[in-house]
């Protein structure tokens, strides 16, 4: 089946909620103030696209390609990135809400999360080598058997994970953030 191709277009204030946008290809497109809530983006590809102030609540991403995609000011609550295509998967998040998002087993090296809320997200068995969590809130986010080598947590807050169950060689942390590594011992400090 041939995909519907859109190149270098700008889409503003379009309501895609509850719509099916499967089998589309978007190349170097910009989406501003668009609503993708409950839409189906399965089997579509987004290459060099930017999403600004868009909502992706309960969006379907089955076999969706996200290649060099930027999300700025977007709501991605509960978004399941595990179903995305692995080939060339790469994205950048700034000022986004990624609460309850799932990245299980995704290889997303060098990913930047800047000024994001990433509460109760799941990065189990993900590869986050050299990724940055810059000024992000990671309350109750799960890191289990996750590759965090060279990752930057220096300005992140509320992270807590077991150093023995994750690969953290050369990862960067702030002195205040180290307290999150003691949570498993259920001790009281202070």
C-alpha atoms as a PDB file:
ATOM      1  CA  UNK A   1       0.000   0.000   0.000  1.00  0.00           C
ATOM      2  CA  UNK A   2       1.372   3.440  -0.925  1.00  0.00           C
ATOM      3  CA  UNK A   3       1.653   5.974   1.831  1.00  0.00           C
ATOM      4  CA  UNK A   4       0.158   9.445   1.549  1.00  0.00           C
ATOM      5  CA  UNK A   5       3.152  11.821   1.456  1.00  0.00           C
ATOM      6  CA  UNK A   6       3.178  15.305   2.967  1.00  0.00           C
ATOM      7  CA  UNK A   7       6.392  17.335   2.635  1.00  0.00           C
ATOM      8  CA  UNK A   8       7.432  20.644   4.221  1.00  0.00           C
ATOM      9  CA  UNK A   9       3.915  21.567   5.250  1.00  0.00           C
ATOM     10  CA  UNK A  10       2.655  23.399   8.313  1.00  0.00           C
ATOM     11  CA  UNK A  11      -0.471  22.205  10.083  1.00  0.00           C
ATOM     12  CA  UNK A  12      -1.984  24.552  12.681  1.00  0.00           C
ATOM     13  CA  UNK A  13      -4.906  23.992  15.045  1.00  0.00           C
ATOM     14  CA  UNK A  14      -6.008  20.792  13.308  1.00  0.00           C
ATOM     15  CA  UNK A  15      -8.140  18.400  15.346  1.00  0.00           C
ATOM     16  CA  UNK A  16      -7.075  14.854  14.527  1.00  0.00           C
ATOM     17  CA  UNK A  17      -8.672  13.422  17.685  1.00  0.00           C
ATOM     18  CA  UNK A  18     -10.332  10.038  17.200  1.00  0.00           C
ATOM     19  CA  UNK A  19      -9.155  10.028  13.558  1.00  0.00           C
ATOM     20  CA  UNK A  20      -7.083   7.496  11.686  1.00  0.00           C
ATOM     21  CA  UNK A  21      -3.910   8.863  10.127  1.00  0.00           C
ATOM     22  CA  UNK A  22      -2.329   5.525   9.401  1.00  0.00           C
ATOM     23  CA  UNK A  23      -0.185   4.916   6.329  1.00  0.00           C
ATOM     24  CA  UNK A  24       0.949   8.541   6.024  1.00  0.00           C
ATOM     25  CA  UNK A  25       4.463   9.898   5.605  1.00  0.00           C
ATOM     26  CA  UNK A  26       5.325  13.351   6.877  1.00  0.00           C
ATOM     27  CA  UNK A  27       8.712  14.791   5.907  1.00  0.00           C
ATOM     28  CA  UNK A  28       9.962  18.077   7.442  1.00  0.00           C
ATOM     29  CA  UNK A  29       6.461  19.101   8.530  1.00  0.00           C
ATOM     30  CA  UNK A  30       5.469  21.301  11.468  1.00  0.00           C
ATOM     31  CA  UNK A  31       2.380  20.731  13.597  1.00  0.00           C
ATOM     32  CA  UNK A  32       1.289  23.571  15.895  1.00  0.00           C
ATOM     33  CA  UNK A  33      -1.560  23.411  18.435  1.00  0.00           C
ATOM     34  CA  UNK A  34      -2.871  20.185  16.921  1.00  0.00           C
ATOM     35  CA  UNK A  35      -4.866  17.584  18.826  1.00  0.00           C
ATOM     36  CA  UNK A  36      -3.879  13.954  18.198  1.00  0.00           C
ATOM     37  CA  UNK A  37      -5.699  12.598  21.282  1.00  0.00           C
ATOM     38  CA  UNK A  38      -7.053   9.098  20.699  1.00  0.00           C
ATOM     39  CA  UNK A  39      -5.928   9.209  17.055  1.00  0.00           C
ATOM     40  CA  UNK A  40      -4.366   6.275  15.238  1.00  0.00           C
ATOM     41  CA  UNK A  41      -0.950   7.055  13.726  1.00  0.00           C
ATOM     42  CA  UNK A  42      -0.138   3.404  13.086  1.00  0.00           C
ATOM     43  CA  UNK A  43       2.132   2.563  10.143  1.00  0.00           C
ATOM     44  CA  UNK A  44       2.876   6.248   9.559  1.00  0.00           C
ATOM     45  CA  UNK A  45       6.325   7.844   9.413  1.00  0.00           C
ATOM     46  CA  UNK A  46       7.442  11.236  10.683  1.00  0.00           C
ATOM     47  CA  UNK A  47      10.883  12.385   9.520  1.00  0.00           C
ATOM     48  CA  UNK A  48      12.442  15.680  10.670  1.00  0.00           C
ATOM     49  CA  UNK A  49       9.068  16.883  11.974  1.00  0.00           C
ATOM     50  CA  UNK A  50       8.322  19.310  14.809  1.00  0.00           C
ATOM     51  CA  UNK A  51       5.277  19.209  17.073  1.00  0.00           C
ATOM     52  CA  UNK A  52       4.605  22.374  19.094  1.00  0.00           C
ATOM     53  CA  UNK A  53       1.911  22.603  21.780  1.00  0.00           C
ATOM     54  CA  UNK A  54       0.191  19.432  20.551  1.00  0.00           C
ATOM     55  CA  UNK A  55      -1.736  16.830  22.540  1.00  0.00           C
ATOM     56  CA  UNK A  56      -1.057  13.103  22.109  1.00  0.00           C
ATOM     57  CA  UNK A  57      -3.096  11.664  24.977  1.00  0.00           C
ATOM     58  CA  UNK A  58      -3.915   7.988  24.331  1.00  0.00           C
ATOM     59  CA  UNK A  59      -2.533   8.082  20.786  1.00  0.00           C
ATOM     60  CA  UNK A  60      -1.820   4.807  18.940  1.00  0.00           C
ATOM     61  CA  UNK A  61       1.722   4.479  17.589  1.00  0.00           C
ATOM     62  CA  UNK A  62       1.765   0.894  16.300  1.00  0.00           C
ATOM     63  CA  UNK A  63       4.668   0.535  13.873  1.00  0.00           C
ATOM     64  CA  UNK A  64       5.014   4.328  13.693  1.00  0.00           C
ATOM     65  CA  UNK A  65       8.355   5.795  12.610  1.00  0.00           C
ATOM     66  CA  UNK A  66       9.629   8.768  14.602  1.00  0.00           C
ATOM     67  CA  UNK A  67      12.916   9.832  13.043  1.00  0.00           C
ATOM     68  CA  UNK A  68      14.523  13.029  14.333  1.00  0.00           C
ATOM     69  CA  UNK A  69      11.219  14.335  15.703  1.00  0.00           C
ATOM     70  CA  UNK A  70      11.003  17.326  18.065  1.00  0.00           C
ATOM     71  CA  UNK A  71       8.227  17.670  20.650  1.00  0.00           C
ATOM     72  CA  UNK A  72       8.011  21.128  22.209  1.00  0.00           C
ATOM     73  CA  UNK A  73       5.365  22.013  24.793  1.00  0.00           C
ATOM     74  CA  UNK A  74       3.402  18.832  24.039  1.00  0.00           C
ATOM     75  CA  UNK A  75       1.178  16.665  26.232  1.00  0.00           C
ATOM     76  CA  UNK A  76       2.140  13.026  25.743  1.00  0.00           C
ATOM     77  CA  UNK A  77       0.339  11.588  28.765  1.00  0.00           C
ATOM     78  CA  UNK A  78       0.389   7.792  28.774  1.00  0.00           C
ATOM     79  CA  UNK A  79       1.987   7.602  25.335  1.00  0.00           C
ATOM     80  CA  UNK A  80       3.302   4.112  24.579  1.00  0.00           C
ATOM     81  CA  UNK A  81       6.498   4.508  22.578  1.00  0.00           C
ATOM     82  CA  UNK A  82       7.240   0.757  22.801  1.00  0.00           C
ATOM     83  CA  UNK A  83       5.156   0.110  19.709  1.00  0.00           C
ATOM     84  CA  UNK A  84       7.128   2.561  17.542  1.00  0.00           C
ATOM     85  CA  UNK A  85       9.515   1.323  14.868  1.00  0.00           C
ATOM     86  CA  UNK A  86      13.034   0.890  16.196  1.00  0.00           C
ATOM     87  CA  UNK A  87      14.727   1.840  12.926  1.00  0.00           C
ATOM     88  CA  UNK A  88      16.279   5.327  13.273  1.00  0.00           C
ATOM     89  CA  UNK A  89      14.044   6.100  16.282  1.00  0.00           C
ATOM     90  CA  UNK A  90      15.133   9.473  17.652  1.00  0.00           C
ATOM     91  CA  UNK A  91      13.398  12.400  19.264  1.00  0.00           C
ATOM     92  CA  UNK A  92      13.865  15.509  21.409  1.00  0.00           C
ATOM     93  CA  UNK A  93      11.479  16.643  24.148  1.00  0.00           C
ATOM     94  CA  UNK A  94      11.303  20.162  25.571  1.00  0.00           C
ATOM     95  CA  UNK A  95       8.759  21.477  28.069  1.00  0.00           C
ATOM     96  CA  UNK A  96       6.614  18.374  27.572  1.00  0.00           C
ATOM     97  CA  UNK A  97       4.423  16.341  29.881  1.00  0.00           C
ATOM     98  CA  UNK A  98       5.449  12.690  29.510  1.00  0.00           C
ATOM     99  CA  UNK A  99       3.743  11.432  32.659  1.00  0.00           C
ATOM    100  CA  UNK A 100       2.896   7.694  32.473  1.00  0.00           C
ATOM    101  CA  UNK A 101       4.748   7.337  29.128  1.00  0.00           C
ATOM    102  CA  UNK A 102       6.306   3.966  28.301  1.00  0.00           C
ATOM    103  CA  UNK A 103       9.720   3.468  26.686  1.00  0.00           C
ATOM    104  CA  UNK A 104      10.293  -0.188  27.624  1.00  0.00           C
ATOM    105  CA  UNK A 105      13.210  -1.778  25.702  1.00  0.00           C
ATOM    106  CA  UNK A 106      13.656   1.231  23.395  1.00  0.00           C
ATOM    107  CA  UNK A 107      17.140   2.180  22.181  1.00  0.00           C
ATOM    108  CA  UNK A 108      17.004   5.944  22.456  1.00  0.00           C
ATOM    109  CA  UNK A 109      20.615   6.973  22.956  1.00  0.00           C
ATOM    110  CA  UNK A 110      21.412  10.700  23.077  1.00  0.00           C
ATOM    111  CA  UNK A 111      17.783  11.661  23.718  1.00  0.00           C
ATOM    112  CA  UNK A 112      17.298  15.065  25.333  1.00  0.00           C
ATOM    113  CA  UNK A 113      14.471  15.589  27.816  1.00  0.00           C
ATOM    114  CA  UNK A 114      14.539  19.283  28.748  1.00  0.00           C
ATOM    115  CA  UNK A 115      12.201  20.957  31.279  1.00  0.00           C
ATOM    116  CA  UNK A 116       9.829  17.971  31.168  1.00  0.00           C
ATOM    117  CA  UNK A 117       7.498  16.297  33.624  1.00  0.00           C
ATOM    118  CA  UNK A 118       8.238  12.569  33.349  1.00  0.00           C
ATOM    119  CA  UNK A 119       6.308  11.273  36.349  1.00  0.00           C
ATOM    120  CA  UNK A 120       5.590   7.544  36.657  1.00  0.00           C
ATOM    121  CA  UNK A 121       7.059   6.812  33.226  1.00  0.00           C
ATOM    122  CA  UNK A 122       8.698   3.460  32.495  1.00  0.00           C
ATOM    123  CA  UNK A 123      12.201   3.091  31.024  1.00  0.00           C
ATOM    124  CA  UNK A 124      12.630  -0.600  31.903  1.00  0.00           C
ATOM    125  CA  UNK A 125      15.404  -2.197  29.796  1.00  0.00           C
ATOM    126  CA  UNK A 126      15.749   0.952  27.666  1.00  0.00           C
ATOM    127  CA  UNK A 127      19.101   2.181  26.368  1.00  0.00           C
ATOM    128  CA  UNK A 128      19.476   5.829  27.390  1.00  0.00           C
ATOM    129  CA  UNK A 129      23.239   6.077  26.855  1.00  0.00           C
ATOM    130  CA  UNK A 130      24.362   9.723  26.801  1.00  0.00           C
ATOM    131  CA  UNK A 131      20.800  10.999  27.225  1.00  0.00           C
ATOM    132  CA  UNK A 132      20.037  14.126  29.216  1.00  0.00           C
ATOM    133  CA  UNK A 133      17.301  14.701  31.781  1.00  0.00           C
ATOM    134  CA  UNK A 134      17.727  18.461  32.020  1.00  0.00           C
ATOM    135  CA  UNK A 135      15.570  20.064  34.703  1.00  0.00           C
ATOM    136  CA  UNK A 136      13.073  17.182  34.594  1.00  0.00           C
ATOM    137  CA  UNK A 137      10.800  15.844  37.343  1.00  0.00           C
ATOM    138  CA  UNK A 138      11.182  12.049  37.458  1.00  0.00           C
ATOM    139  CA  UNK A 139       8.843  11.300  40.381  1.00  0.00           C
ATOM    140  CA  UNK A 140       8.177   7.530  40.580  1.00  0.00           C
ATOM    141  CA  UNK A 141       9.673   6.920  37.137  1.00  0.00           C
ATOM    142  CA  UNK A 142      10.941   3.362  36.688  1.00  0.00           C
ATOM    143  CA  UNK A 143      14.514   2.589  35.668  1.00  0.00           C
ATOM    144  CA  UNK A 144      15.032  -1.183  35.835  1.00  0.00           C
ATOM    145  CA  UNK A 145      17.839  -2.933  33.927  1.00  0.00           C
ATOM    146  CA  UNK A 146      18.226   0.356  32.057  1.00  0.00           C
ATOM    147  CA  UNK A 147      21.426   1.488  30.356  1.00  0.00           C
ATOM    148  CA  UNK A 148      22.122   4.946  31.787  1.00  0.00           C
ATOM    149  CA  UNK A 149      25.816   5.166  30.961  1.00  0.00           C
ATOM    150  CA  UNK A 150      26.948   8.780  30.449  1.00  0.00           C
ATOM    151  CA  UNK A 151      23.371   9.998  31.081  1.00  0.00           C
ATOM    152  CA  UNK A 152      23.011  13.428  32.691  1.00  0.00           C
ATOM    153  CA  UNK A 153      20.768  13.706  35.763  1.00  0.00           C
ATOM    154  CA  UNK A 154      22.531  16.728  37.351  1.00  0.00           C
ATOM    155  CA  UNK A 155      19.526  19.050  37.094  1.00  0.00           C
ATOM    156  CA  UNK A 156      16.820  16.377  37.292  1.00  0.00           C
ATOM    157  CA  UNK A 157      14.762  15.933  40.443  1.00  0.00           C
ATOM    158  CA  UNK A 158      12.898  13.200  42.302  1.00  0.00           C
ATOM    159  CA  UNK A 159      14.641  10.263  40.622  1.00  0.00           C
ATOM    160  CA  UNK A 160      15.109   7.055  42.543  1.00  0.00           C
ATOM    161  CA  UNK A 161      16.540   3.796  41.258  1.00  0.00           C
ATOM    162  CA  UNK A 162      18.706   0.894  42.286  1.00  0.00           C
ATOM    163  CA  UNK A 163      22.301   1.361  41.118  1.00  0.00           C
ATOM    164  CA  UNK A 164      22.798  -2.429  41.209  1.00  0.00           C
ATOM    165  CA  UNK A 165      19.974  -3.011  38.705  1.00  0.00           C
ATOM    166  CA  UNK A 166      21.022  -0.404  36.129  1.00  0.00           C
ATOM    167  CA  UNK A 167      24.181   0.377  34.156  1.00  0.00           C
ATOM    168  CA  UNK A 168      25.309   3.824  35.272  1.00  0.00           C
ATOM    169  CA  UNK A 169      29.000   4.026  34.339  1.00  0.00           C
ATOM    170  CA  UNK A 170      30.031   7.676  33.910  1.00  0.00           C
ATOM    171  CA  UNK A 171      26.463   8.942  34.471  1.00  0.00           C
ATOM    172  CA  UNK A 172      26.276  12.411  36.022  1.00  0.00           C
ATOM    173  CA  UNK A 173      24.310  13.212  39.179  1.00  0.00           C
ATOM    174  CA  UNK A 174      24.040  16.181  41.528  1.00  0.00           C
ATOM    175  CA  UNK A 175      25.031  15.707  45.182  1.00  0.00           C
ATOM    176  CA  UNK A 176      21.421  16.382  46.248  1.00  0.00           C
ATOM    177  CA  UNK A 177      20.087  13.756  43.844  1.00  0.00           C
ATOM    178  CA  UNK A 178      22.185  10.961  45.307  1.00  0.00           C
ATOM    179  CA  UNK A 179      19.662  10.578  48.129  1.00  0.00           C
ATOM    180  CA  UNK A 180      17.327   8.827  45.679  1.00  0.00           C
ATOM    181  CA  UNK A 181      19.741   5.891  45.556  1.00  0.00           C
ATOM    182  CA  UNK A 182      19.086   5.155  49.222  1.00  0.00           C
ATOM    183  CA  UNK A 183      15.312   4.692  48.874  1.00  0.00           C
ATOM    184  CA  UNK A 184      15.609   0.916  48.590  1.00  0.00           C
ATOM    185  CA  UNK A 185      17.032   0.810  52.125  1.00  0.00           C
ATOM    186  CA  UNK A 186      14.002   2.605  53.608  1.00  0.00           C
ATOM    187  CA  UNK A 187      16.197   4.586  55.952  1.00  0.00           C
ATOM    188  CA  UNK A 188      15.453   7.971  57.463  1.00  0.00           C
ATOM    189  CA  UNK A 189      18.027  10.701  56.962  1.00  0.00           C
ATOM    190  CA  UNK A 190      17.939  13.915  58.948  1.00  0.00           C
END
